[in-house]
PDB file of N, CA and C in Angstrom:
ATOM      1  N   GLY A   1      21.964  53.331 -75.963  1.00  0.00           N
ATOM      2  CA  GLY A   1      21.827  51.910 -75.877  1.00  0.00           C
ATOM      3  C   GLY A   1      21.914  51.363 -74.473  1.00  0.00           C
ATOM      4  N   MET A   2      22.617  52.025 -73.546  1.00  0.00           N
ATOM      5  CA  MET A   2      22.798  51.465 -72.209  1.00  0.00           C
ATOM      6  C   MET A   2      21.849  52.110 -71.199  1.00  0.00           C
ATOM      7  N   ALA A   3      20.867  52.850 -71.697  1.00  0.00           N
ATOM      8  CA  ALA A   3      19.876  53.488 -70.826  1.00  0.00           C
ATOM      9  C   ALA A   3      18.485  53.133 -71.331  1.00  0.00           C
ATOM     10  N   GLN A   4      17.536  53.133 -70.408  1.00  0.00           N
ATOM     11  CA  GLN A   4      16.144  52.874 -70.750  1.00  0.00           C
ATOM     12  C   GLN A   4      15.327  54.117 -70.436  1.00  0.00           C
ATOM     13  N   PHE A   5      14.367  54.398 -71.310  1.00  0.00           N
ATOM     14  CA  PHE A   5      13.502  55.560 -71.135  1.00  0.00           C
ATOM     15  C   PHE A   5      12.051  55.102 -71.151  1.00  0.00           C
ATOM     16  N   PRO A   6      11.220  55.699 -70.302  1.00  0.00           N
ATOM     17  CA  PRO A   6       9.811  55.292 -70.258  1.00  0.00           C
ATOM     18  C   PRO A   6       9.048  55.792 -71.476  1.00  0.00           C
ATOM     19  N   GLU A   7       7.925  55.127 -71.766  1.00  0.00           N
ATOM     20  CA  GLU A   7       7.041  55.642 -72.805  1.00  0.00           C
ATOM     21  C   GLU A   7       6.612  57.040 -72.391  1.00  0.00           C
ATOM     22  N   THR A   8       6.582  57.926 -73.370  1.00  0.00           N
ATOM     23  CA  THR A   8       6.354  59.335 -73.063  1.00  0.00           C
ATOM     24  C   THR A   8       5.340  59.938 -74.017  1.00  0.00           C
ATOM     25  N   VAL A   9       4.453  60.758 -73.492  1.00  0.00           N
ATOM     26  CA  VAL A   9       3.519  61.511 -74.322  1.00  0.00           C
ATOM     27  C   VAL A   9       4.126  62.887 -74.537  1.00  0.00           C
ATOM     28  N   ALA A  10       4.382  63.204 -75.805  1.00  0.00           N
ATOM     29  CA  ALA A  10       4.971  64.505 -76.129  1.00  0.00           C
ATOM     30  C   ALA A  10       3.883  65.575 -76.131  1.00  0.00           C
ATOM     31  N   GLY A  11       4.302  66.814 -76.074  1.00  0.00           N
ATOM     32  CA  GLY A  11       3.360  67.930 -76.094  1.00  0.00           C
ATOM     33  C   GLY A  11       2.631  68.030 -77.422  1.00  0.00           C
ATOM     34  N   ALA A  12       1.518  68.733 -77.437  1.00  0.00           N
ATOM     35  CA  ALA A  12       0.708  68.885 -78.646  1.00  0.00           C
ATOM     36  C   ALA A  12       1.335  69.852 -79.639  1.00  0.00           C
ATOM     37  N   ASP A  13       2.129  70.779 -79.157  1.00  0.00           N
ATOM     38  CA  ASP A  13       2.771  71.776 -80.007  1.00  0.00           C
ATOM     39  C   ASP A  13       3.910  71.118 -80.778  1.00  0.00           C
ATOM     40  N   SER A  14       3.915  71.284 -82.096  1.00  0.00           N
ATOM     41  CA  SER A  14       4.930  70.628 -82.928  1.00  0.00           C
ATOM     42  C   SER A  14       6.345  71.092 -82.614  1.00  0.00           C
ATOM     43  N   GLN A  15       6.490  72.228 -81.955  1.00  0.00           N
ATOM     44  CA  GLN A  15       7.814  72.742 -81.621  1.00  0.00           C
ATOM     45  C   GLN A  15       8.275  72.316 -80.223  1.00  0.00           C
ATOM     46  N   SER A  16       7.386  71.697 -79.451  1.00  0.00           N
ATOM     47  CA  SER A  16       7.746  71.370 -78.070  1.00  0.00           C
ATOM     48  C   SER A  16       8.465  70.028 -77.978  1.00  0.00           C
ATOM     49  N   LEU A  17       9.357  69.949 -77.029  1.00  0.00           N
ATOM     50  CA  LEU A  17      10.068  68.715 -76.729  1.00  0.00           C
ATOM     51  C   LEU A  17       9.806  68.372 -75.267  1.00  0.00           C
ATOM     52  N   ALA A  18       9.538  67.104 -75.008  1.00  0.00           N
ATOM     53  CA  ALA A  18       9.350  66.653 -73.629  1.00  0.00           C
ATOM     54  C   ALA A  18      10.681  66.113 -73.123  1.00  0.00           C
ATOM     55  N   LYS A  19      11.200  66.695 -72.033  1.00  0.00           N
ATOM     56  CA  LYS A  19      12.449  66.226 -71.436  1.00  0.00           C
ATOM     57  C   LYS A  19      12.135  65.024 -70.549  1.00  0.00           C
ATOM     58  N   VAL A  20      12.858  63.912 -70.778  1.00  0.00           N
ATOM     59  CA  VAL A  20      12.572  62.670 -70.074  1.00  0.00           C
ATOM     60  C   VAL A  20      13.853  62.123 -69.455  1.00  0.00           C
ATOM     61  N   SER A  21      13.782  61.762 -68.181  1.00  0.00           N
ATOM     62  CA  SER A  21      14.922  61.131 -67.508  1.00  0.00           C
ATOM     63  C   SER A  21      14.841  59.625 -67.700  1.00  0.00           C
ATOM     64  N   GLY A  22      15.997  59.016 -67.930  1.00  0.00           N
ATOM     65  CA  GLY A  22      16.070  57.573 -68.074  1.00  0.00           C
ATOM     66  C   GLY A  22      16.877  56.968 -66.940  1.00  0.00           C
ATOM     67  N   LYS A  23      17.059  55.677 -67.017  1.00  0.00           N
ATOM     68  CA  LYS A  23      17.851  54.941 -66.029  1.00  0.00           C
ATOM     69  C   LYS A  23      18.834  54.048 -66.772  1.00  0.00           C
ATOM     70  N   CYS A  24      20.019  53.898 -66.207  1.00  0.00           N
ATOM     71  CA  CYS A  24      20.992  52.977 -66.781  1.00  0.00           C
ATOM     72  C   CYS A  24      20.462  51.549 -66.651  1.00  0.00           C
ATOM     73  N   VAL A  25      20.802  50.693 -67.619  1.00  0.00           N
ATOM     74  CA  VAL A  25      20.408  49.292 -67.540  1.00  0.00           C
ATOM     75  C   VAL A  25      21.110  48.641 -66.352  1.00  0.00           C
ATOM     76  N   ASN A  26      20.665  47.451 -65.963  1.00  0.00           N
ATOM     77  CA  ASN A  26      21.289  46.730 -64.856  1.00  0.00           C
ATOM     78  C   ASN A  26      22.787  46.573 -65.084  1.00  0.00           C
ATOM     79  N   ASN A  27      23.557  46.759 -64.040  1.00  0.00           N
ATOM     80  CA  ASN A  27      25.018  46.614 -64.042  1.00  0.00           C
ATOM     81  C   ASN A  27      25.730  47.687 -64.859  1.00  0.00           C
ATOM     82  N   ALA A  28      25.054  48.810 -65.077  1.00  0.00           N
ATOM     83  CA  ALA A  28      25.663  49.959 -65.750  1.00  0.00           C
ATOM     84  C   ALA A  28      25.517  51.177 -64.842  1.00  0.00           C
ATOM     85  N   VAL A  29      26.416  52.138 -65.030  1.00  0.00           N
ATOM     86  CA  VAL A  29      26.378  53.370 -64.244  1.00  0.00           C
ATOM     87  C   VAL A  29      26.495  54.570 -65.170  1.00  0.00           C
ATOM     88  N   SER A  30      25.935  55.679 -64.733  1.00  0.00           N
ATOM     89  CA  SER A  30      26.013  56.915 -65.495  1.00  0.00           C
ATOM     90  C   SER A  30      27.424  57.480 -65.402  1.00  0.00           C
ATOM     91  N   VAL A  31      27.950  57.926 -66.513  1.00  0.00           N
ATOM     92  CA  VAL A  31      29.308  58.455 -66.557  1.00  0.00           C
ATOM     93  C   VAL A  31      29.431  59.728 -65.725  1.00  0.00           C
ATOM     94  N   ASN A  32      28.432  60.600 -65.775  1.00  0.00           N
ATOM     95  CA  ASN A  32      28.523  61.871 -65.047  1.00  0.00           C
ATOM     96  C   ASN A  32      27.712  61.865 -63.751  1.00  0.00           C
ATOM     97  N   ARG A  33      27.268  60.708 -63.306  1.00  0.00           N
ATOM     98  CA  ARG A  33      26.514  60.503 -62.055  1.00  0.00           C
ATOM     99  C   ARG A  33      25.092  61.043 -62.090  1.00  0.00           C
ATOM    100  N   ASP A  34      24.706  61.712 -63.154  1.00  0.00           N
ATOM    101  CA  ASP A  34      23.324  62.159 -63.313  1.00  0.00           C
ATOM    102  C   ASP A  34      22.603  61.162 -64.211  1.00  0.00           C
ATOM    103  N   ASP A  35      21.301  61.000 -64.003  1.00  0.00           N
ATOM    104  CA  ASP A  35      20.542  60.122 -64.882  1.00  0.00           C
ATOM    105  C   ASP A  35      20.621  60.648 -66.310  1.00  0.00           C
ATOM    106  N   PRO A  36      20.730  59.747 -67.295  1.00  0.00           N
ATOM    107  CA  PRO A  36      20.724  60.198 -68.686  1.00  0.00           C
ATOM    108  C   PRO A  36      19.359  60.795 -69.027  1.00  0.00           C
ATOM    109  N   THR A  37      19.345  61.777 -69.903  1.00  0.00           N
ATOM    110  CA  THR A  37      18.085  62.386 -70.334  1.00  0.00           C
ATOM    111  C   THR A  37      18.054  62.481 -71.855  1.00  0.00           C
ATOM    112  N   MET A  38      16.852  62.487 -72.392  1.00  0.00           N
ATOM    113  CA  MET A  38      16.634  62.715 -73.820  1.00  0.00           C
ATOM    114  C   MET A  38      15.377  63.554 -73.947  1.00  0.00           C
ATOM    115  N   HIS A  39      15.143  64.048 -75.149  1.00  0.00           N
ATOM    116  CA  HIS A  39      13.947  64.831 -75.436  1.00  0.00           C
ATOM    117  C   HIS A  39      13.128  64.087 -76.486  1.00  0.00           C
ATOM    118  N   CYS A  40      11.827  64.049 -76.281  1.00  0.00           N
ATOM    119  CA  CYS A  40      10.910  63.378 -77.201  1.00  0.00           C
ATOM    120  C   CYS A  40      10.109  64.446 -77.947  1.00  0.00           C
ATOM    121  N   ASN A  41      10.057  64.333 -79.288  1.00  0.00           N
ATOM    122  CA  ASN A  41       9.265  65.307 -80.045  1.00  0.00           C
ATOM    123  C   ASN A  41       7.882  64.741 -80.362  1.00  0.00           C
ATOM    124  N   THR A  42       7.039  65.534 -81.002  1.00  0.00           N
ATOM    125  CA  THR A  42       5.659  65.117 -81.267  1.00  0.00           C
ATOM    126  C   THR A  42       5.564  63.978 -82.267  1.00  0.00           C
ATOM    127  N   ASP A  43       6.643  63.681 -83.001  1.00  0.00           N
ATOM    128  CA  ASP A  43       6.653  62.554 -83.934  1.00  0.00           C
ATOM    129  C   ASP A  43       7.101  61.265 -83.255  1.00  0.00           C
ATOM    130  N   GLY A  44       7.350  61.326 -81.942  1.00  0.00           N
ATOM    131  CA  GLY A  44       7.781  60.132 -81.216  1.00  0.00           C
ATOM    132  C   GLY A  44       9.253  59.825 -81.374  1.00  0.00           C
ATOM    133  N   GLU A  45      10.028  60.789 -81.846  1.00  0.00           N
ATOM    134  CA  GLU A  45      11.471  60.589 -82.014  1.00  0.00           C
ATOM    135  C   GLU A  45      12.209  61.074 -80.774  1.00  0.00           C
ATOM    136  N   TRP A  46      13.246  60.318 -80.397  1.00  0.00           N
ATOM    137  CA  TRP A  46      14.102  60.715 -79.274  1.00  0.00           C
ATOM    138  C   TRP A  46      15.242  61.562 -79.811  1.00  0.00           C
ATOM    139  N   LEU A  47      15.460  62.725 -79.188  1.00  0.00           N
ATOM    140  CA  LEU A  47      16.474  63.675 -79.644  1.00  0.00           C
ATOM    141  C   LEU A  47      17.297  64.171 -78.460  1.00  0.00           C
ATOM    142  N   VAL A  48      18.404  64.796 -78.755  1.00  0.00           N
ATOM    143  CA  VAL A  48      19.241  65.520 -77.800  1.00  0.00           C
ATOM    144  C   VAL A  48      19.614  64.664 -76.580  1.00  0.00           C
ATOM    145  N   PRO A  49      20.367  63.570 -76.797  1.00  0.00           N
ATOM    146  CA  PRO A  49      20.790  62.777 -75.638  1.00  0.00           C
ATOM    147  C   PRO A  49      21.765  63.558 -74.760  1.00  0.00           C
ATOM    148  N   ILE A  50      21.571  63.470 -73.455  1.00  0.00           N
ATOM    149  CA  ILE A  50      22.458  64.118 -72.485  1.00  0.00           C
ATOM    150  C   ILE A  50      22.910  63.050 -71.501  1.00  0.00           C
ATOM    151  N   GLY A  51      24.215  62.868 -71.394  1.00  0.00           N
ATOM    152  CA  GLY A  51      24.759  61.841 -70.511  1.00  0.00           C
ATOM    153  C   GLY A  51      24.679  60.469 -71.153  1.00  0.00           C
ATOM    154  N   HIS A  52      25.414  59.530 -70.590  1.00  0.00           N
ATOM    155  CA  HIS A  52      25.346  58.156 -71.069  1.00  0.00           C
ATOM    156  C   HIS A  52      25.815  57.205 -69.973  1.00  0.00           C
ATOM    157  N   CYS A  53      25.579  55.926 -70.202  1.00  0.00           N
ATOM    158  CA  CYS A  53      25.889  54.898 -69.214  1.00  0.00           C
ATOM    159  C   CYS A  53      26.941  53.938 -69.766  1.00  0.00           C
ATOM    160  N   LEU A  54      27.765  53.426 -68.872  1.00  0.00           N
ATOM    161  CA  LEU A  54      28.768  52.417 -69.213  1.00  0.00           C
ATOM    162  C   LEU A  54      28.636  51.248 -68.250  1.00  0.00           C
ATOM    163  N   CYS A  55      29.054  50.072 -68.701  1.00  0.00           N
ATOM    164  CA  CYS A  55      29.020  48.896 -67.836  1.00  0.00           C
ATOM    165  C   CYS A  55      29.976  49.071 -66.661  1.00  0.00           C
ATOM    166  N   GLN A  56      29.577  48.545 -65.509  1.00  0.00           N
ATOM    167  CA  GLN A  56      30.428  48.570 -64.328  1.00  0.00           C
ATOM    168  C   GLN A  56      31.626  47.654 -64.550  1.00  0.00           C
ATOM    169  N   PRO A  57      32.710  47.866 -63.791  1.00  0.00           N
ATOM    170  CA  PRO A  57      33.856  46.947 -63.878  1.00  0.00           C
ATOM    171  C   PRO A  57      33.395  45.509 -63.637  1.00  0.00           C
ATOM    172  N   GLY A  58      33.936  44.588 -64.434  1.00  0.00           N
ATOM    173  CA  GLY A  58      33.557  43.181 -64.323  1.00  0.00           C
ATOM    174  C   GLY A  58      32.406  42.791 -65.231  1.00  0.00           C
ATOM    175  N   TYR A  59      31.874  43.790 -65.976  1.00  0.00           N
ATOM    176  CA  TYR A  59      30.772  43.542 -66.901  1.00  0.00           C
ATOM    177  C   TYR A  59      31.153  44.063 -68.277  1.00  0.00           C
ATOM    178  N   GLU A  60      30.583  43.437 -69.298  1.00  0.00           N
ATOM    179  CA  GLU A  60      30.848  43.866 -70.671  1.00  0.00           C
ATOM    180  C   GLU A  60      29.529  44.104 -71.390  1.00  0.00           C
ATOM    181  N   LYS A  61      29.586  44.989 -72.382  1.00  0.00           N
ATOM    182  CA  LYS A  61      28.391  45.318 -73.165  1.00  0.00           C
ATOM    183  C   LYS A  61      28.076  44.163 -74.106  1.00  0.00           C
ATOM    184  N   VAL A  62      26.861  43.659 -74.018  1.00  0.00           N
ATOM    185  CA  VAL A  62      26.359  42.633 -74.927  1.00  0.00           C
ATOM    186  C   VAL A  62      25.002  43.131 -75.415  1.00  0.00           C
ATOM    187  N   GLY A  63      24.973  43.614 -76.647  1.00  0.00           N
ATOM    188  CA  GLY A  63      23.752  44.242 -77.149  1.00  0.00           C
ATOM    189  C   GLY A  63      23.481  45.508 -76.354  1.00  0.00           C
ATOM    190  N   ASP A  64      22.304  45.593 -75.771  1.00  0.00           N
ATOM    191  CA  ASP A  64      21.941  46.752 -74.945  1.00  0.00           C
ATOM    192  C   ASP A  64      21.954  46.406 -73.460  1.00  0.00           C
ATOM    193  N   THR A  65      22.748  45.395 -73.083  1.00  0.00           N
ATOM    194  CA  THR A  65      22.830  44.977 -71.684  1.00  0.00           C
ATOM    195  C   THR A  65      24.287  44.892 -71.248  1.00  0.00           C
ATOM    196  N   CYS A  66      24.487  44.772 -69.939  1.00  0.00           N
ATOM    197  CA  CYS A  66      25.814  44.538 -69.369  1.00  0.00           C
ATOM    198  C   CYS A  66      25.810  43.145 -68.754  1.00  0.00           C
ATOM    199  N   GLN A  67      26.636  42.261 -69.290  1.00  0.00           N
ATOM    200  CA  GLN A  67      26.723  40.884 -68.812  1.00  0.00           C
ATOM    201  C   GLN A  67      28.050  40.688 -68.094  1.00  0.00           C
ATOM    202  N   ALA A  68      28.059  39.806 -67.097  1.00  0.00           N
ATOM    203  CA  ALA A  68      29.290  39.508 -66.368  1.00  0.00           C
ATOM    204  C   ALA A  68      30.343  39.008 -67.346  1.00  0.00           C
ATOM    205  N   CYS A  69      31.571  39.489 -67.190  1.00  0.00           N
ATOM    206  CA  CYS A  69      32.668  39.041 -68.048  1.00  0.00           C
ATOM    207  C   CYS A  69      32.903  37.549 -67.825  1.00  0.00           C
ATOM    208  N   GLN A  70      33.232  36.859 -68.883  1.00  0.00           N
ATOM    209  CA  GLN A  70      33.519  35.433 -68.799  1.00  0.00           C
ATOM    210  C   GLN A  70      34.919  35.219 -68.239  1.00  0.00           C
ATOM    211  N   PRO A  71      35.148  34.161 -67.463  1.00  0.00           N
ATOM    212  CA  PRO A  71      36.495  33.881 -66.937  1.00  0.00           C
ATOM    213  C   PRO A  71      37.514  33.795 -68.073  1.00  0.00           C
ATOM    214  N   GLY A  72      38.656  34.411 -67.863  1.00  0.00           N
ATOM    215  CA  GLY A  72      39.724  34.358 -68.856  1.00  0.00           C
ATOM    216  C   GLY A  72      39.677  35.474 -69.884  1.00  0.00           C
ATOM    217  N   PHE A  73      38.691  36.352 -69.809  1.00  0.00           N
ATOM    218  CA  PHE A  73      38.601  37.451 -70.779  1.00  0.00           C
ATOM    219  C   PHE A  73      38.961  38.754 -70.131  1.00  0.00           C
TER     220      PHE A  73
END
């Protein structure tokens, strides 16, 4: 949810997976400092997530974005 992945064309072989690097959403950072990755299969499904992103200090998760924390929270 906190990473974005580009549209990807998967391989023609039903057994192949396309490895795709994503980017953390604005105001989020990767937990392990590497870009998050996922694999796309020929059915257009995203599988095997590796890594994840969290909101930076001072920001909170709102849906799939990181918004500045409101004063007093």
